[in-house]
């Protein structure tokens, strides 16, 4: 029984790590693109992809509730935790890039 719990816990940790690195990787890909060399249509698409990534990375989920019960020796305890569900991540680099792209769009006479 304890082996199954350890396997499940290990799998959950691995999935969480992949999710964190997957989100960071998409941000790095967006920031690595050279928007100065893009055509007008591609630059406009890039601007909207930046917006979508900023919204996705800072999106708040609903409130989260956790319940825990544990014991040590003869003592048993329990607890309840509530969090707001915020990711706590701000996309400052993406916001700065979006401003630069918006300025470049303005120079080209394109209004997003």
Protein backbone atom coordinates (compact mmCIF):
# COMPACT_ATOMS: atom_id res chain seq x y z
CA UNK A 1 0.00 0.00 0.00
CA UNK A 2 2.79 2.44 0.91
CA UNK A 3 4.60 1.66 -2.36
CA UNK A 4 1.52 2.64 -4.38
CA UNK A 5 1.26 5.94 -2.48
CA UNK A 6 4.93 6.69 -3.15
CA UNK A 7 4.52 5.93 -6.85
CA UNK A 8 1.44 8.14 -7.15
CA UNK A 9 3.16 10.97 -5.27
CA UNK A 10 6.24 10.69 -7.50
CA UNK A 11 4.11 10.83 -10.64
CA UNK A 12 2.27 13.92 -9.39
CA UNK A 13 5.57 15.67 -8.68
CA UNK A 14 6.89 14.80 -12.14
CA UNK A 15 3.73 16.14 -13.81
CA UNK A 16 3.96 19.38 -11.80
CA UNK A 17 7.59 19.88 -12.85
CA UNK A 18 6.73 19.37 -16.52
CA UNK A 19 3.88 21.88 -16.27
CA UNK A 20 6.15 24.51 -14.73
CA UNK A 21 8.88 24.02 -17.32
CA UNK A 22 6.34 23.90 -20.15
CA UNK A 23 4.91 27.30 -19.24
CA UNK A 24 8.35 28.86 -18.86
CA UNK A 25 9.43 27.39 -22.20
CA UNK A 26 6.57 29.03 -24.10
CA UNK A 27 7.45 32.41 -22.59
CA UNK A 28 11.10 31.99 -23.59
CA UNK A 29 10.07 31.10 -27.14
CA UNK A 30 7.95 34.23 -27.43
CA UNK A 31 10.73 36.43 -26.08
CA UNK A 32 13.31 34.83 -28.39
CA UNK A 33 11.46 35.86 -31.56
CA UNK A 34 12.80 38.92 -33.41
CA UNK A 35 9.77 41.07 -34.01
CA UNK A 36 11.73 43.71 -35.97
CA UNK A 37 12.04 41.35 -38.95
CA UNK A 38 8.36 40.34 -39.00
CA UNK A 39 5.90 41.39 -41.65
CA UNK A 40 2.97 43.55 -40.61
CA UNK A 41 0.57 40.60 -40.40
CA UNK A 42 3.05 38.46 -38.46
CA UNK A 43 3.75 41.32 -36.06
CA UNK A 44 0.06 41.74 -35.36
CA UNK A 45 -0.31 37.99 -34.73
CA UNK A 46 2.74 38.14 -32.43
CA UNK A 47 1.15 41.00 -30.47
CA UNK A 48 -2.01 38.95 -29.87
CA UNK A 49 0.03 35.86 -28.90
CA UNK A 50 1.81 38.01 -26.31
CA UNK A 51 -1.56 39.17 -24.96
CA UNK A 52 -2.83 35.59 -24.77
CA UNK A 53 0.29 34.38 -22.96
CA UNK A 54 0.12 37.24 -20.43
CA UNK A 55 -3.53 36.47 -19.69
CA UNK A 56 -2.87 32.74 -19.41
CA UNK A 57 0.13 33.15 -17.11
CA UNK A 58 -1.62 35.56 -14.75
CA UNK A 59 -5.05 33.98 -14.86
CA UNK A 60 -6.52 33.39 -11.45
CA UNK A 61 -8.18 30.12 -10.77
CA UNK A 62 -10.97 29.72 -8.28
CA UNK A 63 -10.39 29.38 -4.56
CA UNK A 64 -8.65 26.19 -3.49
CA UNK A 65 -9.41 24.24 -0.32
CA UNK A 66 -7.13 21.62 1.21
CA UNK A 67 -7.87 19.22 4.05
CA UNK A 68 -5.25 17.24 5.91
CA UNK A 69 -5.36 14.61 8.65
CA UNK A 70 -2.32 13.12 10.28
CA UNK A 71 -1.07 11.39 13.33
CA UNK A 72 2.08 11.03 15.36
CA UNK A 73 2.22 8.44 18.09
CA UNK A 74 -0.96 8.67 20.12
CA UNK A 75 -1.86 12.11 18.81
CA UNK A 76 -4.02 12.84 15.80
CA UNK A 77 -4.49 16.20 14.15
CA UNK A 78 -6.21 17.79 11.21
CA UNK A 79 -6.21 21.02 9.30
CA UNK A 80 -7.95 22.99 6.62
CA UNK A 81 -6.28 25.46 4.26
CA UNK A 82 -7.81 27.94 1.85
CA UNK A 83 -5.95 29.88 -0.85
CA UNK A 84 -7.09 32.45 -3.37
CA UNK A 85 -5.92 30.40 -6.33
CA UNK A 86 -3.63 33.09 -7.73
CA UNK A 87 -0.57 31.87 -9.62
CA UNK A 88 1.62 34.53 -8.01
CA UNK A 89 3.43 34.90 -11.35
CA UNK A 90 3.62 38.22 -13.13
CA UNK A 91 4.64 38.39 -16.74
CA UNK A 92 6.82 41.49 -16.56
CA UNK A 93 9.12 40.47 -19.42
CA UNK A 94 6.14 39.70 -21.63
CA UNK A 95 4.53 43.02 -20.73
CA UNK A 96 7.72 44.90 -21.63
CA UNK A 97 7.91 43.06 -24.96
CA UNK A 98 4.24 43.82 -25.66
CA UNK A 99 4.94 47.55 -25.15
CA UNK A 100 7.88 47.37 -27.58
CA UNK A 101 5.76 45.54 -30.15
CA UNK A 102 2.92 48.05 -29.75
CA UNK A 103 5.37 50.91 -30.38
CA UNK A 104 6.67 49.13 -33.49
CA UNK A 105 3.08 48.61 -34.69
CA UNK A 106 2.44 52.33 -34.16
CA UNK A 107 5.53 53.22 -36.25
CA UNK A 108 4.19 51.03 -39.04
CA UNK A 109 0.78 52.67 -38.84
CA UNK A 110 -1.03 49.55 -37.58
CA UNK A 111 -3.62 49.79 -34.82
CA UNK A 112 -4.21 46.52 -32.93
